[in-house]
Amino acid sequence: MSAVLSTPAPDLAAVKTRQQAAWSTGNYAVVGTTLQIVGEDLCEVLDLRSGSRVLDVAAGNGNATLAAARRFCEVTSTDYVASLLESGKARAQAEGHPVKFQEADAEDLPFPEASFDAVLSTFGVMFTPNQEKAAGELARVCKPKGKIGLANWTPESFIGQVFKTIGKYLPPAPGVKSPALWGTKERIEELFGRSAGEIRWTKRHFNFRYRSPEHWIEVFRTYYGPMNKTYAALDAGKQALFTQELLELIARDNRSGDGTLVLPSAYLEVVIERK
């Protein structure tokens, strides 16, 4: 009989440590601030009411946090990168919002069950290594009949393809599921089907607007942790090839027609009503 070779389980703790280091590199707040409209749209589709207790998970520099605070909700903003929370705190203070900021891991949220009326994450929780555990935590801290609101890049989106391109140069750890699965209806049903009374989704597009394709690459290479880490790991020749692939990817969908960048990237907007 021939031996059956099994793939060893991925070391998710090690993956998380590397991811945390990547997101701490550069300054995601520079990119994150441009995505503000997504948080505003998500809070509208959730129909948030003043006084609601809201948790923003993997909040980055606080786009959904601020959107909920502007609707006079009682907001707690969490992330495992302290510098991003500090950026979010500065933004909230500048606008005069009494938001609570707390360092926390999306896979192990430090809150009791049913603590929040609404739980949000925009392009954040989708990057957790242990997807089942993270989804379970979102559902656990959301009260019965409460809502979970998500914005997740889809696999076929521009950003989904960017991560696929990154994977050609820096392959992901074996056995780790793609973050872009969170942008599919099938995966959302797998993750939340048992805890949800109802799941609704809408495919939306965010438009990246930059001075030029080269400007987008410059900003992301400098400030976006995963891109920064990729360039740092490559020699000059591979950096040039990576840049060329990104430019070709951008050219495929750039609709500006005038040398600037107006590039739509699809994402799945999800509203999950808890049982």
C-alpha atoms as a PDB file:
ATOM      1  CA  MET A   1       0.000   0.000   0.000  1.00  0.00           C
ATOM      2  CA  SER A   2       1.296   3.434  -0.819  1.00  0.00           C
ATOM      3  CA  ALA A   3       1.507   6.016   1.931  1.00  0.00           C
ATOM      4  CA  VAL A   4      -0.993   8.837   1.808  1.00  0.00           C
ATOM      5  CA  LEU A   5       0.700  12.184   2.118  1.00  0.00           C
ATOM      6  CA  SER A   6      -1.339  14.760   4.001  1.00  0.00           C
ATOM      7  CA  THR A   7      -0.789  18.482   3.854  1.00  0.00           C
ATOM      8  CA  PRO A   8       0.258  19.757   7.287  1.00  0.00           C
ATOM      9  CA  ALA A   9      -2.112  22.214   8.917  1.00  0.00           C
ATOM     10  CA  PRO A  10      -0.981  25.801   8.440  1.00  0.00           C
ATOM     11  CA  ASP A  11       0.560  27.585  11.417  1.00  0.00           C
ATOM     12  CA  LEU A  12      -2.119  30.272  11.655  1.00  0.00           C
ATOM     13  CA  ALA A  13      -0.438  31.951  14.625  1.00  0.00           C
ATOM     14  CA  ALA A  14       2.721  32.459  12.582  1.00  0.00           C
ATOM     15  CA  VAL A  15       0.678  33.711   9.626  1.00  0.00           C
ATOM     16  CA  LYS A  16      -1.072  36.225  11.886  1.00  0.00           C
ATOM     17  CA  THR A  17       2.258  37.474  13.243  1.00  0.00           C
ATOM     18  CA  ARG A  18       3.529  38.068   9.702  1.00  0.00           C
ATOM     19  CA  GLN A  19       0.282  39.767   8.700  1.00  0.00           C
ATOM     20  CA  GLN A  20       0.373  42.050  11.716  1.00  0.00           C
ATOM     21  CA  ALA A  21       3.921  43.054  10.817  1.00  0.00           C
ATOM     22  CA  ALA A  22       2.852  43.724   7.220  1.00  0.00           C
ATOM     23  CA  TRP A  23      -0.131  45.912   8.179  1.00  0.00           C
ATOM     24  CA  SER A  24       2.116  47.793  10.637  1.00  0.00           C
ATOM     25  CA  THR A  25       4.476  48.632   7.778  1.00  0.00           C
ATOM     26  CA  GLY A  26       4.042  51.825   5.787  1.00  0.00           C
ATOM     27  CA  ASN A  27       0.983  53.795   6.841  1.00  0.00           C
ATOM     28  CA  TYR A  28      -2.317  52.227   5.850  1.00  0.00           C
ATOM     29  CA  ALA A  29      -4.142  55.343   7.060  1.00  0.00           C
ATOM     30  CA  VAL A  30      -2.983  57.162   3.900  1.00  0.00           C
ATOM     31  CA  VAL A  31      -4.809  54.599   1.763  1.00  0.00           C
ATOM     32  CA  GLY A  32      -7.611  53.921   4.221  1.00  0.00           C
ATOM     33  CA  THR A  33      -8.815  57.510   4.338  1.00  0.00           C
ATOM     34  CA  THR A  34      -9.603  57.400   0.616  1.00  0.00           C
ATOM     35  CA  LEU A  35     -12.083  54.556   1.256  1.00  0.00           C
ATOM     36  CA  GLN A  36     -14.322  56.572   3.592  1.00  0.00           C
ATOM     37  CA  ILE A  37     -17.405  56.401   1.347  1.00  0.00           C
ATOM     38  CA  VAL A  38     -17.573  52.616   1.848  1.00  0.00           C
ATOM     39  CA  GLY A  39     -18.078  53.022   5.597  1.00  0.00           C
ATOM     40  CA  GLU A  40     -20.734  55.664   5.037  1.00  0.00           C
ATOM     41  CA  ASP A  41     -22.634  53.452   2.585  1.00  0.00           C
ATOM     42  CA  LEU A  42     -22.409  50.465   4.935  1.00  0.00           C
ATOM     43  CA  CYS A  43     -23.843  52.416   7.862  1.00  0.00           C
ATOM     44  CA  GLU A  44     -26.698  53.598   5.664  1.00  0.00           C
ATOM     45  CA  VAL A  45     -27.609  50.109   4.463  1.00  0.00           C
ATOM     46  CA  LEU A  46     -27.521  48.927   8.088  1.00  0.00           C
ATOM     47  CA  ASP A  47     -29.963  51.737   8.935  1.00  0.00           C
ATOM     48  CA  LEU A  48     -28.066  52.573  12.136  1.00  0.00           C
ATOM     49  CA  ARG A  49     -29.962  54.509  14.791  1.00  0.00           C
ATOM     50  CA  SER A  50     -28.560  57.000  17.286  1.00  0.00           C
ATOM     51  CA  GLY A  51     -27.641  55.392  20.579  1.00  0.00           C
ATOM     52  CA  SER A  52     -26.938  51.978  19.034  1.00  0.00           C
ATOM     53  CA  ARG A  53     -23.905  50.155  20.432  1.00  0.00           C
ATOM     54  CA  VAL A  54     -21.593  49.567  17.466  1.00  0.00           C
ATOM     55  CA  LEU A  55     -18.322  47.636  17.193  1.00  0.00           C
ATOM     56  CA  ASP A  56     -15.903  48.215  14.295  1.00  0.00           C
ATOM     57  CA  VAL A  57     -13.600  45.182  13.906  1.00  0.00           C
ATOM     58  CA  ALA A  58     -10.219  45.411  12.172  1.00  0.00           C
ATOM     59  CA  ALA A  59     -11.140  49.075  11.897  1.00  0.00           C
ATOM     60  CA  GLY A  60      -7.892  50.382  10.450  1.00  0.00           C
ATOM     61  CA  ASN A  61      -7.906  54.149  10.777  1.00  0.00           C
ATOM     62  CA  GLY A  62     -11.620  54.237  11.444  1.00  0.00           C
ATOM     63  CA  ASN A  63     -13.696  54.731   8.309  1.00  0.00           C
ATOM     64  CA  ALA A  64     -16.722  52.733   9.496  1.00  0.00           C
ATOM     65  CA  THR A  65     -16.012  53.929  13.038  1.00  0.00           C
ATOM     66  CA  LEU A  66     -16.410  57.570  12.050  1.00  0.00           C
ATOM     67  CA  ALA A  67     -19.414  56.844   9.854  1.00  0.00           C
ATOM     68  CA  ALA A  68     -21.226  55.260  12.812  1.00  0.00           C
ATOM     69  CA  ALA A  69     -20.114  58.014  15.185  1.00  0.00           C
ATOM     70  CA  ARG A  70     -21.495  60.634  12.796  1.00  0.00           C
ATOM     71  CA  ARG A  71     -24.856  58.918  13.266  1.00  0.00           C
ATOM     72  CA  PHE A  72     -24.547  59.400  17.058  1.00  0.00           C
ATOM     73  CA  CYS A  73     -23.964  55.740  17.828  1.00  0.00           C
ATOM     74  CA  GLU A  74     -21.910  54.537  20.806  1.00  0.00           C
ATOM     75  CA  VAL A  75     -18.884  53.207  18.937  1.00  0.00           C
ATOM     76  CA  THR A  76     -15.998  50.944  19.953  1.00  0.00           C
ATOM     77  CA  SER A  77     -13.194  50.792  17.381  1.00  0.00           C
ATOM     78  CA  THR A  78     -10.757  47.854  17.416  1.00  0.00           C
ATOM     79  CA  ASP A  79      -7.679  46.752  15.489  1.00  0.00           C
ATOM     80  CA  TYR A  80      -4.502  44.808  16.259  1.00  0.00           C
ATOM     81  CA  VAL A  81      -2.291  47.601  14.877  1.00  0.00           C
ATOM     82  CA  ALA A  82      -1.975  50.273  17.562  1.00  0.00           C
ATOM     83  CA  SER A  83      -0.727  52.990  15.201  1.00  0.00           C
ATOM     84  CA  LEU A  84      -3.882  52.707  13.086  1.00  0.00           C
ATOM     85  CA  LEU A  85      -6.054  53.090  16.183  1.00  0.00           C
ATOM     86  CA  GLU A  86      -4.100  56.226  17.063  1.00  0.00           C
ATOM     87  CA  SER A  87      -4.851  57.610  13.603  1.00  0.00           C
ATOM     88  CA  GLY A  88      -8.529  56.810  14.041  1.00  0.00           C
ATOM     89  CA  LYS A  89      -8.524  58.428  17.473  1.00  0.00           C
ATOM     90  CA  ALA A  90      -7.034  61.639  16.066  1.00  0.00           C
ATOM     91  CA  ARG A  91      -9.730  61.756  13.392  1.00  0.00           C
ATOM     92  CA  ALA A  92     -12.500  61.188  15.942  1.00  0.00           C
ATOM     93  CA  GLN A  93     -11.117  63.842  18.274  1.00  0.00           C
ATOM     94  CA  ALA A  94     -10.852  66.332  15.409  1.00  0.00           C
ATOM     95  CA  GLU A  95     -14.564  65.841  14.718  1.00  0.00           C
ATOM     96  CA  GLY A  96     -15.533  65.738  18.395  1.00  0.00           C
ATOM     97  CA  HIS A  97     -16.797  62.138  18.538  1.00  0.00           C
ATOM     98  CA  PRO A  98     -16.546  60.242  21.877  1.00  0.00           C
ATOM     99  CA  VAL A  99     -15.362  56.930  20.383  1.00  0.00           C
ATOM    100  CA  LYS A 100     -13.753  54.180  22.471  1.00  0.00           C
ATOM    101  CA  PHE A 101     -10.581  52.773  20.879  1.00  0.00           C
ATOM    102  CA  GLN A 102      -9.251  49.380  21.973  1.00  0.00           C
ATOM    103  CA  GLU A 103      -6.489  47.142  20.654  1.00  0.00           C
ATOM    104  CA  ALA A 104      -8.012  43.732  19.909  1.00  0.00           C
ATOM    105  CA  ASP A 105      -7.636  40.622  17.753  1.00  0.00           C
ATOM    106  CA  ALA A 106     -10.610  39.943  15.471  1.00  0.00           C
ATOM    107  CA  GLU A 107     -10.260  36.236  16.233  1.00  0.00           C
ATOM    108  CA  ASP A 108     -10.458  36.778  20.003  1.00  0.00           C
ATOM    109  CA  LEU A 109     -12.602  39.821  20.756  1.00  0.00           C
ATOM    110  CA  PRO A 110     -12.445  40.906  24.434  1.00  0.00           C
ATOM    111  CA  PHE A 111     -16.187  41.482  24.822  1.00  0.00           C
ATOM    112  CA  PRO A 112     -19.044  39.447  26.329  1.00  0.00           C
ATOM    113  CA  GLU A 113     -21.628  37.739  24.174  1.00  0.00           C
ATOM    114  CA  ALA A 114     -24.361  39.921  22.685  1.00  0.00           C
ATOM    115  CA  SER A 115     -22.552  43.168  23.593  1.00  0.00           C
ATOM    116  CA  PHE A 116     -23.382  45.148  20.447  1.00  0.00           C
ATOM    117  CA  ASP A 117     -26.394  46.097  18.352  1.00  0.00           C
ATOM    118  CA  ALA A 118     -24.249  46.187  15.216  1.00  0.00           C
ATOM    119  CA  VAL A 119     -20.803  44.827  14.299  1.00  0.00           C
ATOM    120  CA  LEU A 120     -18.968  46.279  11.282  1.00  0.00           C
ATOM    121  CA  SER A 121     -15.848  45.594   9.255  1.00  0.00           C
ATOM    122  CA  THR A 122     -14.781  47.251   6.005  1.00  0.00           C
ATOM    123  CA  PHE A 123     -11.941  45.456   4.193  1.00  0.00           C
ATOM    124  CA  GLY A 124     -10.617  44.327   7.567  1.00  0.00           C
ATOM    125  CA  VAL A 125     -11.815  41.054   9.064  1.00  0.00           C
ATOM    126  CA  MET A 126     -11.549  39.425   5.625  1.00  0.00           C
ATOM    127  CA  PHE A 127      -7.759  39.289   6.087  1.00  0.00           C
ATOM    128  CA  THR A 128      -7.815  37.166   9.259  1.00  0.00           C
ATOM    129  CA  PRO A 129      -5.988  33.816   8.873  1.00  0.00           C
ATOM    130  CA  ASN A 130      -8.632  31.816  10.764  1.00  0.00           C
ATOM    131  CA  GLN A 131     -11.788  32.805   8.926  1.00  0.00           C
ATOM    132  CA  GLU A 132     -14.125  30.523  10.865  1.00  0.00           C
ATOM    133  CA  LYS A 133     -12.906  31.817  14.213  1.00  0.00           C
ATOM    134  CA  ALA A 134     -13.213  35.460  13.159  1.00  0.00           C
ATOM    135  CA  ALA A 135     -16.733  34.954  11.811  1.00  0.00           C
ATOM    136  CA  GLY A 136     -17.686  33.184  15.024  1.00  0.00           C
ATOM    137  CA  GLU A 137     -16.441  36.125  17.076  1.00  0.00           C
ATOM    138  CA  LEU A 138     -18.431  38.654  15.014  1.00  0.00           C
ATOM    139  CA  ALA A 139     -21.581  36.607  15.555  1.00  0.00           C
ATOM    140  CA  ARG A 140     -20.852  35.996  19.252  1.00  0.00           C
ATOM    141  CA  VAL A 141     -20.590  39.655  20.250  1.00  0.00           C
ATOM    142  CA  CYS A 142     -23.609  40.720  18.158  1.00  0.00           C
ATOM    143  CA  LYS A 143     -26.878  40.589  20.069  1.00  0.00           C
ATOM    144  CA  PRO A 144     -29.826  38.491  18.822  1.00  0.00           C
ATOM    145  CA  LYS A 145     -31.674  40.340  16.049  1.00  0.00           C
ATOM    146  CA  GLY A 146     -28.646  42.628  15.724  1.00  0.00           C
ATOM    147  CA  LYS A 147     -26.785  43.200  12.459  1.00  0.00           C
ATOM    148  CA  ILE A 148     -23.322  42.400  11.123  1.00  0.00           C
ATOM    149  CA  GLY A 149     -22.227  44.641   8.249  1.00  0.00           C
ATOM    150  CA  LEU A 150     -19.268  43.791   6.011  1.00  0.00           C
ATOM    151  CA  ALA A 151     -17.535  45.203   2.960  1.00  0.00           C
ATOM    152  CA  ASN A 152     -15.211  42.633   1.338  1.00  0.00           C
ATOM    153  CA  TRP A 153     -13.252  42.756  -1.915  1.00  0.00           C
ATOM    154  CA  THR A 154     -14.392  40.084  -4.380  1.00  0.00           C
ATOM    155  CA  PRO A 155     -11.970  37.594  -6.008  1.00  0.00           C
ATOM    156  CA  GLU A 156     -12.466  39.092  -9.480  1.00  0.00           C
ATOM    157  CA  SER A 157     -12.142  42.709  -8.290  1.00  0.00           C
ATOM    158  CA  PHE A 158      -9.140  44.877  -9.030  1.00  0.00           C
ATOM    159  CA  ILE A 159      -7.849  44.484  -5.456  1.00  0.00           C
ATOM    160  CA  GLY A 160      -8.581  40.762  -5.575  1.00  0.00           C
ATOM    161  CA  GLN A 161      -6.408  40.539  -8.679  1.00  0.00           C
ATOM    162  CA  VAL A 162      -3.706  42.656  -7.035  1.00  0.00           C
ATOM    163  CA  PHE A 163      -3.468  40.123  -4.218  1.00  0.00           C
ATOM    164  CA  LYS A 164      -3.411  37.291  -6.746  1.00  0.00           C
ATOM    165  CA  THR A 165      -0.489  39.036  -8.459  1.00  0.00           C
ATOM    166  CA  ILE A 166       1.278  39.505  -5.110  1.00  0.00           C
ATOM    167  CA  GLY A 167       0.842  35.763  -4.549  1.00  0.00           C
ATOM    168  CA  LYS A 168       2.827  35.015  -7.713  1.00  0.00           C
ATOM    169  CA  TYR A 169       5.848  36.770  -6.221  1.00  0.00           C
ATOM    170  CA  LEU A 170       5.284  35.979  -2.534  1.00  0.00           C
ATOM    171  CA  PRO A 171       3.212  32.781  -2.334  1.00  0.00           C
ATOM    172  CA  PRO A 172       0.867  32.603   0.674  1.00  0.00           C
ATOM    173  CA  ALA A 173       1.376  29.986   3.368  1.00  0.00           C
ATOM    174  CA  PRO A 174       0.036  26.572   2.260  1.00  0.00           C
ATOM    175  CA  GLY A 175      -3.472  25.861   3.506  1.00  0.00           C
ATOM    176  CA  VAL A 176      -4.421  29.466   4.287  1.00  0.00           C
ATOM    177  CA  LYS A 177      -7.708  30.437   2.647  1.00  0.00           C
ATOM    178  CA  SER A 178      -7.799  33.453   0.342  1.00  0.00           C
ATOM    179  CA  PRO A 179      -9.161  36.645   1.968  1.00  0.00           C
ATOM    180  CA  ALA A 180     -11.152  37.273  -1.219  1.00  0.00           C
ATOM    181  CA  LEU A 181     -13.412  34.320  -0.362  1.00  0.00           C
ATOM    182  CA  TRP A 182     -15.153  36.741   2.021  1.00  0.00           C
ATOM    183  CA  GLY A 183     -16.288  38.505  -1.148  1.00  0.00           C
ATOM    184  CA  THR A 184     -18.317  35.486  -2.295  1.00  0.00           C
ATOM    185  CA  LYS A 185     -21.878  34.616  -1.326  1.00  0.00           C
ATOM    186  CA  GLU A 186     -20.953  30.971  -0.873  1.00  0.00           C
ATOM    187  CA  ARG A 187     -18.273  31.659   1.726  1.00  0.00           C
ATOM    188  CA  ILE A 188     -20.444  34.137   3.630  1.00  0.00           C
ATOM    189  CA  GLU A 189     -23.162  31.477   3.864  1.00  0.00           C
ATOM    190  CA  GLU A 190     -20.596  28.940   5.090  1.00  0.00           C
ATOM    191  CA  LEU A 191     -19.302  31.311   7.746  1.00  0.00           C
ATOM    192  CA  PHE A 192     -22.562  32.808   8.997  1.00  0.00           C
ATOM    193  CA  GLY A 193     -25.381  30.543   7.831  1.00  0.00           C
ATOM    194  CA  ARG A 194     -25.943  28.893  11.213  1.00  0.00           C
ATOM    195  CA  SER A 195     -25.953  32.132  13.195  1.00  0.00           C
ATOM    196  CA  ALA A 196     -27.933  34.244  10.716  1.00  0.00           C
ATOM    197  CA  GLY A 197     -31.645  34.781  10.496  1.00  0.00           C
ATOM    198  CA  GLU A 198     -31.195  36.510   7.151  1.00  0.00           C
ATOM    199  CA  ILE A 199     -28.267  37.407   4.887  1.00  0.00           C
ATOM    200  CA  ARG A 200     -28.463  40.129   2.230  1.00  0.00           C
ATOM    201  CA  TRP A 201     -25.710  41.150  -0.167  1.00  0.00           C
ATOM    202  CA  THR A 202     -25.167  43.762  -2.808  1.00  0.00           C
ATOM    203  CA  LYS A 203     -22.282  43.973  -5.259  1.00  0.00           C
ATOM    204  CA  ARG A 204     -20.868  47.492  -5.228  1.00  0.00           C
ATOM    205  CA  HIS A 205     -17.860  49.250  -6.725  1.00  0.00           C
ATOM    206  CA  PHE A 206     -15.351  51.587  -5.146  1.00  0.00           C
ATOM    207  CA  ASN A 207     -13.530  53.891  -7.565  1.00  0.00           C
ATOM    208  CA  PHE A 208      -9.830  54.398  -6.936  1.00  0.00           C
ATOM    209  CA  ARG A 209      -9.077  57.958  -8.065  1.00  0.00           C
ATOM    210  CA  TYR A 210      -5.396  58.872  -8.340  1.00  0.00           C
ATOM    211  CA  ARG A 211      -3.258  61.235 -10.410  1.00  0.00           C
ATOM    212  CA  SER A 212      -2.081  58.396 -12.662  1.00  0.00           C
ATOM    213  CA  PRO A 213      -1.508  54.622 -12.613  1.00  0.00           C
ATOM    214  CA  GLU A 214       2.067  55.301 -11.546  1.00  0.00           C
ATOM    215  CA  HIS A 215       0.801  57.480  -8.680  1.00  0.00           C
ATOM    216  CA  TRP A 216      -1.391  54.622  -7.419  1.00  0.00           C
ATOM    217  CA  ILE A 217       1.605  52.277  -7.438  1.00  0.00           C
ATOM    218  CA  GLU A 218       3.772  54.857  -5.665  1.00  0.00           C
ATOM    219  CA  VAL A 219       1.201  55.366  -2.889  1.00  0.00           C
ATOM    220  CA  PHE A 220       0.493  51.671  -2.393  1.00  0.00           C
ATOM    221  CA  ARG A 221       4.163  50.728  -2.591  1.00  0.00           C
ATOM    222  CA  THR A 222       4.976  53.290   0.099  1.00  0.00           C
ATOM    223  CA  TYR A 223       2.013  53.046   2.458  1.00  0.00           C
ATOM    224  CA  TYR A 224       0.049  49.810   1.887  1.00  0.00           C
ATOM    225  CA  GLY A 225       1.670  47.155   4.101  1.00  0.00           C
ATOM    226  CA  PRO A 226       1.277  44.042   1.895  1.00  0.00           C
ATOM    227  CA  MET A 227       2.516  45.927  -1.176  1.00  0.00           C
ATOM    228  CA  ASN A 228       5.371  47.510   0.759  1.00  0.00           C
ATOM    229  CA  LYS A 229       6.470  44.087   2.034  1.00  0.00           C
ATOM    230  CA  THR A 230       6.276  42.581  -1.451  1.00  0.00           C
ATOM    231  CA  TYR A 231       8.518  45.189  -3.012  1.00  0.00           C
ATOM    232  CA  ALA A 232      10.959  44.932  -0.105  1.00  0.00           C
ATOM    233  CA  ALA A 233      11.279  41.163  -0.625  1.00  0.00           C
ATOM    234  CA  LEU A 234      12.070  41.372  -4.360  1.00  0.00           C
ATOM    235  CA  ASP A 235      15.285  42.205  -6.153  1.00  0.00           C
ATOM    236  CA  ALA A 236      15.343  45.047  -8.689  1.00  0.00           C
ATOM    237  CA  GLY A 237      14.536  42.809 -11.654  1.00  0.00           C
ATOM    238  CA  LYS A 238      11.509  41.207 -10.021  1.00  0.00           C
ATOM    239  CA  GLN A 239      10.356  44.601  -8.747  1.00  0.00           C
ATOM    240  CA  ALA A 240      10.294  45.820 -12.354  1.00  0.00           C
ATOM    241  CA  LEU A 241       8.313  42.761 -13.472  1.00  0.00           C
ATOM    242  CA  PHE A 242       5.868  43.186 -10.578  1.00  0.00           C
ATOM    243  CA  THR A 243       5.374  46.856 -11.442  1.00  0.00           C
ATOM    244  CA  GLN A 244       4.758  46.000 -15.095  1.00  0.00           C
ATOM    245  CA  GLU A 245       2.125  43.420 -14.161  1.00  0.00           C
ATOM    246  CA  LEU A 246       0.388  45.965 -11.937  1.00  0.00           C
ATOM    247  CA  LEU A 247       0.394  48.554 -14.732  1.00  0.00           C
ATOM    248  CA  GLU A 248      -1.126  46.028 -17.126  1.00  0.00           C
ATOM    249  CA  LEU A 249      -3.777  45.139 -14.554  1.00  0.00           C
ATOM    250  CA  ILE A 250      -4.594  48.813 -14.052  1.00  0.00           C
ATOM    251  CA  ALA A 251      -4.747  49.500 -17.802  1.00  0.00           C
ATOM    252  CA  ARG A 252      -7.367  46.787 -18.221  1.00  0.00           C
ATOM    253  CA  ASP A 253      -9.969  48.585 -16.073  1.00  0.00           C
ATOM    254  CA  ASN A 254      -8.892  52.230 -15.885  1.00  0.00           C
ATOM    255  CA  ARG A 255     -11.808  54.207 -17.318  1.00  0.00           C
ATOM    256  CA  SER A 256     -10.441  57.745 -16.964  1.00  0.00           C
ATOM    257  CA  GLY A 257      -9.403  58.223 -20.610  1.00  0.00           C
ATOM    258  CA  ASP A 258      -7.264  61.231 -19.689  1.00  0.00           C
ATOM    259  CA  GLY A 259      -4.088  59.881 -18.084  1.00  0.00           C
ATOM    260  CA  THR A 260      -5.442  59.975 -14.535  1.00  0.00           C
ATOM    261  CA  LEU A 261      -6.720  56.915 -12.706  1.00  0.00           C
ATOM    262  CA  VAL A 262     -10.412  56.139 -12.226  1.00  0.00           C
ATOM    263  CA  LEU A 263     -10.528  52.448 -11.536  1.00  0.00           C
ATOM    264  CA  PRO A 264     -13.572  50.590 -10.140  1.00  0.00           C
ATOM    265  CA  SER A 265     -12.948  47.684  -7.771  1.00  0.00           C
ATOM    266  CA  ALA A 266     -15.882  45.415  -6.919  1.00  0.00           C
ATOM    267  CA  TYR A 267     -16.761  44.535  -3.349  1.00  0.00           C
ATOM    268  CA  LEU A 268     -19.554  42.603  -1.681  1.00  0.00           C
ATOM    269  CA  GLU A 269     -21.611  44.622   0.791  1.00  0.00           C
ATOM    270  CA  VAL A 270     -23.110  42.168   3.286  1.00  0.00           C
ATOM    271  CA  VAL A 271     -25.804  42.602   5.934  1.00  0.00           C
ATOM    272  CA  ILE A 272     -26.306  39.667   8.288  1.00  0.00           C
ATOM    273  CA  GLU A 273     -29.231  39.743  10.716  1.00  0.00           C
ATOM    274  CA  ARG A 274     -28.590  37.557  13.744  1.00  0.00           C
ATOM    275  CA  LYS A 275     -31.071  34.933  14.835  1.00  0.00           C
END
